[in-house]
N, C-alpha and C. Protein backbone atom coordinates (compact mmCIF):
# COMPACT_ATOMS: atom_id res chain seq x y z
N UNK A 1 8.53 -68.97 49.00
CA UNK A 1 9.40 -68.10 49.60
C UNK A 1 10.38 -67.10 48.55
N UNK A 2 10.18 -65.77 48.99
CA UNK A 2 10.81 -64.82 47.83
C UNK A 2 12.31 -65.15 47.96
N UNK A 3 12.76 -65.26 46.38
CA UNK A 3 14.21 -65.79 46.12
C UNK A 3 15.04 -64.64 46.67
N UNK A 4 14.28 -63.55 46.45
CA UNK A 4 15.39 -62.26 47.17
C UNK A 4 15.98 -61.92 48.55
N UNK A 5 15.01 -62.73 49.44
CA UNK A 5 15.22 -62.84 50.61
C UNK A 5 16.38 -63.57 50.84
N UNK A 6 17.57 -63.35 51.54
CA UNK A 6 18.79 -64.01 51.94
C UNK A 6 19.01 -64.36 53.36
N UNK A 7 17.90 -63.99 54.16
CA UNK A 7 17.77 -64.43 55.46
C UNK A 7 18.19 -66.12 55.63
N UNK A 8 18.93 -66.33 56.48
CA UNK A 8 19.36 -67.62 56.71
C UNK A 8 18.15 -68.59 57.06
N UNK A 9 17.82 -69.20 56.49
CA UNK A 9 16.46 -69.96 56.68
C UNK A 9 16.50 -71.72 55.89
N UNK A 10 16.07 -72.62 56.97
CA UNK A 10 15.95 -74.03 56.23
C UNK A 10 15.05 -74.12 54.82
N UNK A 11 14.38 -73.12 54.77
CA UNK A 11 13.38 -73.27 53.08
C UNK A 11 14.28 -72.72 52.10
N UNK A 12 15.33 -72.16 52.42
CA UNK A 12 16.43 -71.58 51.61
C UNK A 12 17.23 -72.25 50.56
N UNK A 13 17.15 -73.73 51.36
CA UNK A 13 18.17 -75.15 50.87
C UNK A 13 17.73 -75.48 49.89
N UNK A 14 16.03 -75.57 49.80
CA UNK A 14 15.53 -76.25 48.77
C UNK A 14 15.40 -75.18 47.61
N UNK A 15 15.88 -75.66 46.35
CA UNK A 15 15.89 -74.78 44.92
C UNK A 15 14.13 -74.58 44.53
N UNK A 16 13.85 -73.53 44.45
CA UNK A 16 12.71 -73.16 43.78
C UNK A 16 12.53 -72.48 42.41
N UNK A 17 11.29 -72.66 41.59
CA UNK A 17 11.49 -71.87 40.69
C UNK A 17 11.14 -70.54 40.78
N UNK A 18 12.31 -69.65 39.75
CA UNK A 18 12.05 -68.12 39.91
C UNK A 18 10.86 -67.58 39.06
N UNK A 19 9.43 -66.99 39.77
CA UNK A 19 8.23 -66.63 38.95
C UNK A 19 8.65 -64.98 38.50
N UNK A 20 8.20 -64.87 37.38
CA UNK A 20 8.31 -63.39 36.99
C UNK A 20 7.31 -62.62 37.41
N UNK A 21 7.23 -61.53 38.17
CA UNK A 21 6.41 -60.76 38.84
C UNK A 21 5.64 -60.32 37.73
N UNK A 22 4.05 -60.05 37.89
CA UNK A 22 3.38 -59.38 36.99
C UNK A 22 3.54 -57.80 36.81
N UNK A 23 3.43 -57.62 35.28
CA UNK A 23 3.46 -56.17 35.00
C UNK A 23 2.26 -55.15 35.46
N UNK A 24 2.92 -54.07 35.85
CA UNK A 24 1.70 -53.14 36.06
C UNK A 24 0.83 -52.83 34.82
N UNK A 25 -0.74 -52.60 35.49
CA UNK A 25 -1.00 -52.02 34.19
C UNK A 25 -1.10 -50.62 33.57
N UNK A 26 -1.16 -50.93 32.27
CA UNK A 26 -0.66 -49.99 31.23
C UNK A 26 -1.28 -48.65 31.64
N UNK A 27 -0.27 -47.70 31.54
CA UNK A 27 -1.07 -46.49 31.55
C UNK A 27 -1.97 -45.44 30.48
N UNK A 28 -3.01 -44.92 31.23
CA UNK A 28 -4.35 -44.98 29.57
C UNK A 28 -4.34 -43.28 30.32
N UNK A 29 -4.35 -41.98 29.51
CA UNK A 29 -4.57 -40.77 29.62
C UNK A 29 -6.14 -40.78 29.52
N UNK A 30 -6.68 -40.08 31.36
CA UNK A 30 -7.97 -39.59 31.04
C UNK A 30 -8.76 -38.52 29.83
N UNK A 31 -7.69 -38.55 28.88
CA UNK A 31 -8.33 -37.12 28.09
C UNK A 31 -7.89 -37.96 26.88
N UNK A 32 -7.77 -39.08 26.80
CA UNK A 32 -7.67 -39.93 25.25
C UNK A 32 -9.19 -40.08 24.55
N UNK A 33 -10.05 -40.17 25.07
CA UNK A 33 -11.43 -39.65 24.39
C UNK A 33 -11.69 -38.69 23.66
N UNK A 34 -11.42 -37.32 24.41
CA UNK A 34 -11.74 -35.70 24.38
C UNK A 34 -10.56 -35.91 22.98
N UNK A 35 -9.23 -36.10 23.24
CA UNK A 35 -8.45 -35.69 22.06
C UNK A 35 -9.04 -36.65 20.77
N UNK A 36 -9.41 -37.79 21.18
CA UNK A 36 -9.51 -38.50 19.34
C UNK A 36 -10.56 -37.96 19.19
N UNK A 37 -11.71 -37.65 19.85
CA UNK A 37 -13.11 -36.69 19.24
C UNK A 37 -12.80 -35.54 18.24
N UNK A 38 -11.93 -34.45 19.21
CA UNK A 38 -11.68 -33.54 18.59
C UNK A 38 -10.56 -33.70 17.25
N UNK A 39 -9.64 -34.63 17.37
CA UNK A 39 -8.95 -34.84 16.06
C UNK A 39 -9.59 -35.40 15.10
N UNK A 40 -10.77 -36.01 15.34
CA UNK A 40 -11.89 -36.51 14.20
C UNK A 40 -12.49 -35.68 13.71
N UNK A 41 -12.87 -34.77 14.53
CA UNK A 41 -13.95 -33.55 14.21
C UNK A 41 -13.36 -32.88 13.25
N UNK A 42 -11.79 -32.51 13.75
CA UNK A 42 -10.88 -31.20 13.06
C UNK A 42 -10.58 -31.99 11.15
N UNK A 43 -10.18 -33.45 11.35
CA UNK A 43 -9.87 -34.12 10.58
C UNK A 43 -10.99 -34.15 9.17
N UNK A 44 -12.20 -34.66 9.85
CA UNK A 44 -13.27 -34.62 9.17
C UNK A 44 -13.69 -33.18 8.37
N UNK A 45 -13.56 -31.95 8.70
CA UNK A 45 -13.86 -30.45 8.29
C UNK A 45 -12.81 -30.59 7.35
N UNK A 46 -11.61 -31.06 7.37
CA UNK A 46 -10.56 -30.55 6.33
C UNK A 46 -10.14 -31.35 5.24
N UNK A 47 -10.88 -32.39 5.43
CA UNK A 47 -10.92 -33.45 3.89
C UNK A 47 -11.09 -32.76 2.89
N UNK A 48 -10.37 -33.09 1.87
CA UNK A 48 -10.50 -32.70 0.59
C UNK A 48 -10.35 -33.75 -0.55
N UNK A 49 -10.19 -34.86 -0.05
CA UNK A 49 -10.26 -36.30 -0.92
C UNK A 49 -11.66 -36.39 -1.27
N UNK A 50 -11.88 -37.36 -2.24
CA UNK A 50 -13.24 -37.89 -2.65
C UNK A 50 -14.16 -36.96 -3.43
N UNK A 51 -15.13 -37.30 -3.54
CA UNK A 51 -16.12 -36.41 -4.56
C UNK A 51 -16.84 -35.14 -3.86
N UNK A 52 -16.60 -33.83 -4.14
CA UNK A 52 -17.50 -32.79 -3.32
C UNK A 52 -18.73 -33.32 -3.62
N UNK A 53 -19.01 -32.59 -2.47
CA UNK A 53 -20.63 -32.18 -1.85
C UNK A 53 -21.22 -30.86 -2.65
N UNK A 54 -21.77 -31.49 -3.73
CA UNK A 54 -22.43 -30.26 -4.25
C UNK A 54 -23.86 -31.04 -4.52
N UNK A 55 -24.56 -29.87 -5.12
CA UNK A 55 -25.77 -29.96 -5.64
C UNK A 55 -26.02 -30.89 -7.07
N UNK A 56 -27.01 -31.57 -6.82
CA UNK A 56 -26.90 -32.73 -7.90
C UNK A 56 -27.92 -32.04 -9.06
N UNK A 57 -27.40 -32.35 -10.21
CA UNK A 57 -28.35 -31.59 -11.50
C UNK A 57 -29.58 -32.11 -11.50
N UNK A 58 -30.51 -31.33 -12.04
CA UNK A 58 -31.73 -31.51 -12.05
C UNK A 58 -32.23 -32.78 -13.17
N UNK A 59 -33.03 -33.53 -13.05
CA UNK A 59 -33.32 -34.67 -14.22
C UNK A 59 -33.76 -34.07 -15.44
N UNK A 60 -34.33 -32.67 -15.36
CA UNK A 60 -34.44 -32.34 -16.86
C UNK A 60 -33.60 -31.57 -17.85
N UNK A 61 -32.20 -31.41 -16.80
CA UNK A 61 -31.24 -31.32 -17.55
C UNK A 61 -30.20 -32.49 -17.65
N UNK A 62 -30.49 -33.16 -18.47
CA UNK A 62 -29.81 -34.14 -18.68
C UNK A 62 -28.75 -33.94 -20.23
N UNK A 63 -27.85 -34.88 -20.19
CA UNK A 63 -27.13 -34.79 -20.90
C UNK A 63 -27.58 -34.77 -22.48
N UNK A 64 -27.65 -33.87 -23.48
CA UNK A 64 -27.72 -34.32 -24.96
C UNK A 64 -26.93 -34.57 -25.76
N UNK A 65 -27.52 -35.09 -27.05
CA UNK A 65 -26.40 -35.75 -27.83
C UNK A 65 -25.69 -34.14 -28.70
N UNK A 66 -24.78 -34.39 -29.02
CA UNK A 66 -23.73 -33.27 -29.55
C UNK A 66 -23.69 -32.04 -28.74
N UNK A 67 -24.21 -32.10 -27.22
CA UNK A 67 -23.71 -31.03 -26.70
C UNK A 67 -22.51 -30.26 -26.23
N UNK A 68 -21.60 -31.38 -26.01
CA UNK A 68 -20.21 -31.14 -26.08
C UNK A 68 -19.32 -30.85 -26.42
N UNK A 69 -19.63 -30.98 -28.10
CA UNK A 69 -19.08 -30.43 -29.39
C UNK A 69 -18.94 -28.96 -29.52
N UNK A 70 -17.79 -28.78 -29.93
CA UNK A 70 -17.63 -26.96 -30.30
C UNK A 70 -18.61 -26.79 -31.29
N UNK A 71 -19.30 -25.71 -31.41
CA UNK A 71 -19.93 -25.32 -32.58
C UNK A 71 -19.43 -24.77 -33.89
N UNK A 72 -19.69 -25.08 -34.93
CA UNK A 72 -19.05 -25.04 -35.89
C UNK A 72 -18.93 -23.06 -36.55
N UNK A 73 -17.80 -22.63 -37.42
CA UNK A 73 -18.17 -20.97 -37.41
C UNK A 73 -19.17 -21.01 -38.37
N UNK A 74 -19.43 -19.31 -38.50
CA UNK A 74 -20.53 -19.38 -39.54
C UNK A 74 -20.20 -19.87 -40.96
N UNK A 75 -21.31 -20.40 -41.58
CA UNK A 75 -20.90 -20.42 -43.38
C UNK A 75 -20.82 -19.40 -44.07
N UNK A 76 -19.54 -19.35 -44.91
CA UNK A 76 -19.26 -18.08 -45.49
C UNK A 76 -19.85 -18.44 -47.05
N UNK A 77 -20.13 -17.69 -47.94
CA UNK A 77 -20.43 -17.69 -49.18
C UNK A 77 -19.42 -17.72 -49.81
N UNK A 78 -19.14 -18.48 -50.83
CA UNK A 78 -17.90 -19.11 -51.62
C UNK A 78 -18.13 -17.79 -52.90
N UNK A 79 -16.76 -17.61 -52.91
CA UNK A 79 -16.60 -16.26 -53.93
C UNK A 79 -15.53 -16.74 -54.88
N UNK A 80 -15.60 -16.94 -56.20
CA UNK A 80 -14.71 -17.62 -56.95
C UNK A 80 -13.80 -16.40 -57.48
N UNK A 81 -14.15 -15.33 -57.20
CA UNK A 81 -13.09 -14.28 -57.73
C UNK A 81 -12.38 -13.63 -56.15
N UNK A 82 -12.36 -14.49 -55.64
CA UNK A 82 -11.57 -14.14 -53.93
C UNK A 82 -10.21 -14.09 -54.60
N UNK A 83 -9.02 -12.94 -54.23
CA UNK A 83 -7.81 -13.32 -54.71
C UNK A 83 -7.03 -14.39 -54.07
N UNK A 84 -6.42 -15.19 -54.44
CA UNK A 84 -5.82 -16.55 -53.91
C UNK A 84 -4.39 -15.87 -53.80
N UNK A 85 -3.57 -16.94 -53.19
CA UNK A 85 -2.23 -16.82 -52.90
C UNK A 85 -1.10 -16.66 -54.02
N UNK A 86 0.08 -16.15 -53.94
CA UNK A 86 0.74 -16.27 -55.16
C UNK A 86 1.05 -17.97 -55.45
N UNK A 87 1.23 -18.32 -56.93
CA UNK A 87 1.63 -19.61 -57.07
C UNK A 87 2.89 -19.83 -56.88
N UNK A 88 3.32 -21.51 -56.62
CA UNK A 88 4.34 -21.73 -56.10
C UNK A 88 5.36 -21.75 -57.20
N UNK A 89 6.71 -21.76 -57.12
CA UNK A 89 7.68 -21.41 -58.42
C UNK A 89 7.89 -22.74 -59.08
N UNK A 90 7.99 -22.61 -60.20
CA UNK A 90 7.98 -23.97 -61.14
C UNK A 90 9.57 -24.37 -60.74
N UNK A 91 9.76 -25.98 -60.92
CA UNK A 91 11.34 -26.37 -61.02
C UNK A 91 12.52 -25.77 -62.04
N UNK A 92 11.53 -25.34 -62.77
CA UNK A 92 12.43 -24.79 -64.03
C UNK A 92 13.09 -23.25 -63.90
N UNK A 93 12.03 -22.46 -62.88
CA UNK A 93 12.46 -21.16 -62.33
C UNK A 93 13.74 -21.21 -61.61
N UNK A 94 14.74 -20.17 -61.91
CA UNK A 94 15.69 -20.16 -61.17
C UNK A 94 15.63 -18.53 -60.94
N UNK A 95 16.40 -18.23 -59.25
CA UNK A 95 16.54 -16.60 -59.14
C UNK A 95 17.40 -16.07 -59.56
N UNK A 96 17.34 -14.92 -59.66
CA UNK A 96 18.09 -13.87 -60.24
C UNK A 96 19.64 -13.96 -59.48
N UNK A 97 20.76 -14.24 -60.31
CA UNK A 97 21.93 -14.48 -59.50
C UNK A 97 22.85 -13.57 -60.15
N UNK A 98 23.86 -13.11 -59.40
CA UNK A 98 24.99 -12.12 -59.49
C UNK A 98 24.64 -11.13 -59.33
N UNK A 99 23.84 -10.30 -58.40
CA UNK A 99 23.30 -9.04 -58.09
C UNK A 99 24.22 -8.65 -57.08
N UNK A 100 24.76 -7.38 -57.14
CA UNK A 100 25.96 -7.08 -56.14
C UNK A 100 25.82 -5.71 -55.91
N UNK A 101 26.03 -4.99 -54.56
CA UNK A 101 25.60 -3.94 -54.33
C UNK A 101 27.01 -2.96 -54.18
N UNK A 102 26.93 -2.05 -54.84
CA UNK A 102 28.34 -1.04 -54.89
C UNK A 102 28.63 -0.41 -53.76
N UNK A 103 27.85 -0.63 -52.69
CA UNK A 103 28.28 0.36 -51.33
C UNK A 103 29.11 -0.19 -50.92
N UNK A 104 30.40 0.62 -49.97
CA UNK A 104 31.40 0.08 -49.28
C UNK A 104 30.64 0.10 -47.70
N UNK A 105 30.46 -0.88 -47.20
CA UNK A 105 29.93 -0.74 -45.82
C UNK A 105 30.91 -0.63 -44.84
N UNK A 106 32.09 -0.84 -44.85
CA UNK A 106 33.12 -0.51 -44.27
C UNK A 106 33.34 0.78 -44.30
N UNK A 107 33.65 1.55 -45.51
CA UNK A 107 33.94 3.21 -45.59
C UNK A 107 32.59 3.73 -44.81
N UNK A 108 31.45 3.43 -45.06
CA UNK A 108 30.15 4.02 -44.77
C UNK A 108 30.24 3.94 -42.97
N UNK A 109 30.34 2.84 -42.65
CA UNK A 109 30.17 2.54 -41.04
C UNK A 109 31.42 3.31 -40.39
N UNK A 110 32.70 3.38 -40.68
CA UNK A 110 33.81 4.44 -40.48
C UNK A 110 33.48 6.03 -40.59
N UNK A 111 32.98 6.29 -41.40
CA UNK A 111 32.26 7.68 -41.55
C UNK A 111 31.28 7.65 -40.43
N UNK A 112 30.39 7.07 -40.51
CA UNK A 112 29.04 7.14 -39.43
C UNK A 112 29.82 7.49 -38.26
N UNK A 113 30.93 6.78 -37.77
CA UNK A 113 31.28 6.80 -36.38
C UNK A 113 32.10 7.82 -36.42
N UNK A 114 33.11 8.23 -37.39
CA UNK A 114 33.66 9.18 -37.35
C UNK A 114 32.66 10.82 -37.51
N UNK A 115 31.88 11.23 -37.86
CA UNK A 115 31.10 12.00 -38.19
C UNK A 115 29.75 12.23 -36.78
N UNK A 116 29.70 10.89 -36.50
CA UNK A 116 28.80 10.90 -35.52
C UNK A 116 28.99 11.74 -33.61
N UNK A 117 27.99 11.84 -33.10
CA UNK A 117 28.52 12.51 -31.77
C UNK A 117 28.73 11.60 -30.90
N UNK A 118 29.81 11.82 -30.54
CA UNK A 118 30.05 10.95 -29.22
C UNK A 118 29.37 10.66 -28.05
N UNK A 119 29.14 9.60 -27.44
CA UNK A 119 27.97 9.58 -26.73
C UNK A 119 28.39 9.77 -25.10
N UNK A 120 27.88 10.41 -24.26
CA UNK A 120 28.58 10.93 -23.37
C UNK A 120 28.48 9.85 -22.03
N UNK A 121 29.48 9.46 -21.03
CA UNK A 121 29.16 8.63 -20.37
C UNK A 121 28.28 9.03 -19.09
N UNK A 122 27.28 8.01 -18.59
CA UNK A 122 26.75 8.28 -17.67
C UNK A 122 27.20 8.68 -16.16
N UNK A 123 26.96 10.00 -15.69
CA UNK A 123 27.66 10.21 -14.32
C UNK A 123 27.19 9.43 -13.34
N UNK A 124 28.04 8.60 -12.64
CA UNK A 124 28.01 8.07 -11.28
C UNK A 124 28.69 7.87 -10.39
N UNK A 125 28.61 7.72 -8.93
CA UNK A 125 29.49 7.37 -8.04
C UNK A 125 29.32 6.45 -7.34
N UNK A 126 30.51 6.27 -6.75
CA UNK A 126 30.99 4.95 -6.11
C UNK A 126 31.41 5.26 -4.45
N UNK A 127 30.13 4.42 -3.70
CA UNK A 127 30.37 4.98 -2.14
C UNK A 127 32.23 4.16 -1.76
N UNK A 128 32.27 3.02 -2.19
CA UNK A 128 33.65 2.60 -1.31
C UNK A 128 34.61 2.26 -2.52
N UNK A 129 35.78 1.82 -2.07
CA UNK A 129 36.73 1.50 -3.03
C UNK A 129 36.50 0.33 -4.14
N UNK A 130 35.81 -0.41 -3.04
CA UNK A 130 35.12 -2.10 -3.77
C UNK A 130 33.47 -1.84 -3.84
N UNK A 131 33.07 -0.86 -3.99
CA UNK A 131 31.61 -0.88 -3.82
C UNK A 131 31.07 -0.77 -5.26
N UNK A 132 29.77 -0.44 -5.13
CA UNK A 132 28.40 -0.64 -6.04
C UNK A 132 28.53 0.99 -6.88
N UNK A 133 27.88 0.69 -8.15
CA UNK A 133 27.95 2.19 -8.61
C UNK A 133 26.27 2.37 -8.78
N UNK A 134 26.44 4.14 -8.40
CA UNK A 134 25.35 4.38 -8.18
C UNK A 134 24.94 5.48 -9.27
N UNK A 135 23.89 5.94 -9.14
CA UNK A 135 23.30 7.08 -10.68
C UNK A 135 23.74 8.40 -9.71
N UNK A 136 24.40 9.24 -10.18
CA UNK A 136 24.79 10.43 -9.58
C UNK A 136 23.80 11.55 -9.80
N UNK A 137 22.89 11.11 -10.92
CA UNK A 137 22.10 12.54 -10.67
C UNK A 137 20.93 12.36 -9.72
N UNK A 138 20.59 11.17 -9.29
CA UNK A 138 19.68 11.24 -8.44
C UNK A 138 19.81 10.81 -7.00
N UNK A 139 21.48 10.90 -6.81
CA UNK A 139 21.72 10.68 -5.43
C UNK A 139 21.40 11.93 -4.56
N UNK A 140 21.37 13.20 -4.99
CA UNK A 140 21.47 14.49 -4.39
C UNK A 140 22.66 14.78 -4.05
N UNK A 141 23.88 14.76 -4.56
CA UNK A 141 25.15 15.08 -4.57
C UNK A 141 25.24 16.37 -5.76
N UNK A 142 24.52 16.39 -6.84
CA UNK A 142 24.99 17.29 -7.37
C UNK A 142 24.02 18.58 -6.98
N UNK A 143 24.85 19.72 -7.26
CA UNK A 143 23.94 21.19 -6.76
C UNK A 143 23.05 21.57 -8.12
N UNK A 144 22.08 21.05 -8.48
CA UNK A 144 21.34 21.14 -9.22
C UNK A 144 19.91 22.28 -8.88
N UNK A 145 19.65 22.08 -7.46
CA UNK A 145 18.58 22.93 -7.21
C UNK A 145 18.85 24.39 -6.89
N UNK A 146 20.11 24.30 -6.65
CA UNK A 146 20.68 26.02 -6.45
C UNK A 146 20.31 26.89 -7.54
N UNK A 147 20.68 26.03 -8.72
CA UNK A 147 20.91 26.88 -10.05
C UNK A 147 19.68 26.89 -10.93
N UNK A 148 18.30 26.62 -9.51
CA UNK A 148 17.26 27.15 -10.55
C UNK A 148 16.77 28.66 -10.10
N UNK A 149 16.16 29.33 -11.21
CA UNK A 149 15.65 30.44 -11.10
C UNK A 149 15.29 31.28 -9.92
N UNK A 150 13.99 30.33 -9.51
CA UNK A 150 13.43 30.57 -8.52
C UNK A 150 13.67 29.44 -7.06
N UNK A 151 14.96 29.67 -6.85
CA UNK A 151 15.71 29.24 -5.80
C UNK A 151 15.43 30.41 -4.79
N UNK A 152 15.52 30.02 -3.56
CA UNK A 152 15.16 30.92 -2.47
C UNK A 152 14.48 31.97 -2.29
N UNK A 153 13.50 31.93 -3.39
CA UNK A 153 12.20 32.72 -3.29
C UNK A 153 11.12 31.74 -2.90
N UNK A 154 10.32 33.29 -2.28
CA UNK A 154 9.21 32.37 -1.43
C UNK A 154 8.07 32.11 -2.48
N UNK A 155 7.67 30.71 -1.99
CA UNK A 155 6.42 30.29 -3.02
C UNK A 155 5.50 31.14 -3.16
N UNK A 156 4.60 30.81 -3.98
CA UNK A 156 3.70 32.28 -4.57
C UNK A 156 2.16 31.54 -3.20
N UNK A 157 2.15 30.46 -3.12
CA UNK A 157 1.08 30.02 -2.17
C UNK A 157 1.36 30.54 -0.63
N UNK A 158 2.46 30.63 -0.43
CA UNK A 158 3.13 30.87 0.86
C UNK A 158 2.79 32.22 0.97
N UNK A 159 3.34 32.93 0.33
CA UNK A 159 2.65 34.60 0.16
C UNK A 159 1.36 35.16 0.41
N UNK A 160 0.81 34.23 -0.71
CA UNK A 160 -0.78 34.16 -0.40
C UNK A 160 -1.66 34.14 1.02
N UNK A 161 -0.77 32.84 1.51
CA UNK A 161 -1.50 32.67 2.80
C UNK A 161 -0.95 33.97 3.83
N UNK A 162 0.17 34.12 3.64
CA UNK A 162 0.47 34.94 4.67
C UNK A 162 -0.31 36.59 4.48
N UNK A 163 -0.63 36.81 3.32
CA UNK A 163 -1.15 38.21 3.09
C UNK A 163 -3.05 37.64 3.94
N UNK A 164 -3.49 36.36 3.81
CA UNK A 164 -4.86 36.39 3.97
C UNK A 164 -4.47 36.36 5.69
N UNK A 165 -3.37 35.66 6.32
CA UNK A 165 -3.29 35.92 7.73
C UNK A 165 -3.29 37.34 8.05
N UNK A 166 -2.49 37.80 7.35
CA UNK A 166 -2.20 39.25 7.80
C UNK A 166 -3.51 40.54 7.61
N UNK A 167 -4.26 40.07 6.99
CA UNK A 167 -5.72 40.69 6.84
C UNK A 167 -6.49 40.01 7.90
N UNK A 168 -6.75 38.92 8.29
CA UNK A 168 -7.44 38.26 8.94
C UNK A 168 -7.01 39.16 10.54
N UNK A 169 -5.69 39.23 10.78
CA UNK A 169 -5.22 40.01 11.92
C UNK A 169 -5.69 41.41 12.37
N UNK A 170 -5.66 41.96 11.27
CA UNK A 170 -6.14 43.39 10.82
C UNK A 170 -7.36 43.90 11.28
N UNK A 171 -8.11 42.96 10.74
CA UNK A 171 -9.75 42.61 11.16
C UNK A 171 -10.00 42.51 12.22
N UNK A 172 -9.16 41.87 12.90
CA UNK A 172 -9.54 41.27 14.16
C UNK A 172 -9.05 42.34 15.22
N UNK A 173 -8.08 43.11 14.85
CA UNK A 173 -7.45 44.21 15.70
C UNK A 173 -8.24 45.37 15.71
N UNK A 174 -8.89 45.52 14.67
CA UNK A 174 -9.90 46.73 14.31
C UNK A 174 -11.24 46.42 14.98
N UNK A 175 -11.67 44.99 15.24
CA UNK A 175 -12.89 44.62 16.09
C UNK A 175 -12.76 45.00 17.06
N UNK A 176 -11.51 44.78 17.85
CA UNK A 176 -11.24 44.76 19.36
C UNK A 176 -11.27 46.29 19.54
N UNK A 177 -10.54 47.06 18.76
CA UNK A 177 -10.49 48.39 19.03
C UNK A 177 -11.70 49.19 19.03
N UNK A 178 -12.60 48.60 18.32
CA UNK A 178 -14.08 49.12 18.10
C UNK A 178 -14.65 48.68 19.44
N UNK A 179 -14.67 47.49 19.63
CA UNK A 179 -15.63 47.01 21.08
C UNK A 179 -15.01 47.92 22.18
N UNK A 180 -13.75 48.12 22.70
CA UNK A 180 -12.92 49.19 23.57
C UNK A 180 -13.76 50.41 23.48
N UNK A 181 -13.42 50.91 22.19
CA UNK A 181 -14.22 52.59 21.73
C UNK A 181 -15.58 52.58 22.51
N UNK A 182 -16.33 51.30 22.33
CA UNK A 182 -17.52 51.70 22.79
C UNK A 182 -17.69 51.33 24.35
N UNK A 183 -16.80 50.48 24.81
CA UNK A 183 -17.12 50.36 25.77
C UNK A 183 -16.43 51.30 27.14
N UNK A 184 -15.44 52.44 26.36
CA UNK A 184 -14.36 53.42 27.27
C UNK A 184 -15.76 54.14 27.53
N UNK A 185 -14.97 55.18 28.77
CA UNK A 185 -15.81 56.20 29.36
C UNK A 185 -15.73 57.53 28.27
N UNK A 186 -17.00 58.41 28.33
CA UNK A 186 -17.15 59.75 27.68
C UNK A 186 -16.44 60.59 28.21
N UNK A 187 -15.62 61.47 27.58
CA UNK A 187 -14.64 62.46 28.16
C UNK A 187 -15.84 63.74 28.45
N UNK A 188 -16.11 64.44 29.49
CA UNK A 188 -17.14 65.30 29.10
C UNK A 188 -16.48 66.73 29.16
N UNK A 189 -17.11 67.64 28.75
CA UNK A 189 -16.47 68.91 28.51
C UNK A 189 -16.58 69.76 29.64
N UNK A 190 -15.90 71.20 29.61
CA UNK A 190 -16.18 71.91 31.07
C UNK A 190 -17.55 72.45 31.07
N UNK A 191 -18.50 72.36 30.23
CA UNK A 191 -20.00 72.93 30.69
C UNK A 191 -20.69 71.56 30.94
N UNK A 192 -20.68 70.77 30.37
CA UNK A 192 -21.32 69.21 30.83
C UNK A 192 -20.68 69.09 32.04
N UNK A 193 -19.59 69.34 32.62
CA UNK A 193 -18.96 69.09 34.02
C UNK A 193 -19.66 69.64 34.81
N UNK A 194 -19.56 71.22 34.49
CA UNK A 194 -20.18 72.17 35.52
C UNK A 194 -21.83 71.68 35.79
N UNK A 195 -22.49 71.18 34.78
CA UNK A 195 -23.70 71.01 34.81
C UNK A 195 -24.23 69.97 35.65
N UNK A 196 -23.25 68.87 35.74
CA UNK A 196 -23.26 67.47 36.50
C UNK A 196 -23.22 67.96 37.62
N UNK A 197 -21.93 68.84 38.15
CA UNK A 197 -21.91 69.57 39.50
C UNK A 197 -23.05 70.06 40.27
N UNK A 198 -23.49 70.93 39.44
CA UNK A 198 -24.57 71.56 40.07
C UNK A 198 -25.97 70.95 40.12
N UNK A 199 -26.31 69.68 39.35
CA UNK A 199 -27.43 69.04 39.59
C UNK A 199 -27.48 68.51 40.76
N UNK A 200 -26.85 68.07 41.61
CA UNK A 200 -27.14 67.91 43.06
C UNK A 200 -27.28 68.96 43.91
N UNK A 201 -26.93 70.16 43.53
CA UNK A 201 -27.35 71.42 44.53
C UNK A 201 -28.84 71.80 44.05
N UNK A 202 -29.23 71.72 42.72
CA UNK A 202 -30.46 72.10 42.48
C UNK A 202 -31.52 71.33 42.99
N UNK A 203 -31.13 69.92 42.95
CA UNK A 203 -31.66 68.65 43.25
C UNK A 203 -32.28 68.67 45.27
N UNK A 204 -31.14 69.14 45.87
CA UNK A 204 -31.15 69.68 47.40
C UNK A 204 -32.10 70.96 47.59
N UNK A 205 -32.14 71.87 46.83
CA UNK A 205 -32.88 73.25 46.62
C UNK A 205 -34.18 73.06 46.49
N UNK A 206 -34.62 72.13 45.25
CA UNK A 206 -35.88 71.62 44.80
C UNK A 206 -36.48 71.01 46.21
N UNK A 207 -35.75 69.98 46.69
CA UNK A 207 -36.76 69.32 47.81
C UNK A 207 -37.02 69.95 48.95
N UNK A 208 -35.94 70.65 49.17
CA UNK A 208 -36.29 71.58 50.41
C UNK A 208 -37.58 72.66 50.16
N UNK A 209 -37.66 73.09 48.85
CA UNK A 209 -38.73 74.18 48.36
C UNK A 209 -40.28 73.29 48.73
N UNK A 210 -40.06 71.84 48.14
CA UNK A 210 -40.94 71.10 48.13
C UNK A 210 -42.09 70.78 49.35
N UNK A 211 -40.74 70.55 50.58
CA UNK A 211 -40.84 70.33 51.56
C UNK A 211 -41.46 71.64 52.54
N UNK A 212 -41.28 72.40 52.16
CA UNK A 212 -41.75 73.90 52.71
C UNK A 212 -42.87 74.17 52.38
């Protein structure tokens, strides 16, 4: 009888040992095999441990004796008359002592400072009261470009380009005028006008005479 059932029954009066219910089966993902195969494939492709898979050397190129030793420099011919280094001074030789210079370095340095040109401080500007220092020459705040001789003068290449554009425009206008002149109607003189007006009358008279 289930001990969790507390309904009134005669069987509940007899003590019984409680049995632990069996555990449900452990969950196993259906994608476990696919994930394991992919992981093994990428892991094998990215391995860096172990000996590298390189082409084995040919048996004919075996290691020979003294092949790893560095080659000696070329042999030089010994020359006995070659100049040598100066000899080492002897123990009994003593350096010359007591040589002093009469130059007054203090006065010389003072004279150089007094006669020298003072170094001008580099112009700077500060953006804030507690800001950083910046070079004033390259900041664009110094009006040095308006002081140039060619300031405000049109550059030479622009003048040349303007002349070329103007010349091309004049040639195009002349071409258009020439085409309009060729396509325009010709103005007749009075004699030509009278001749043209009399031509239909002459034609009609000639036709009448031909028919008669």
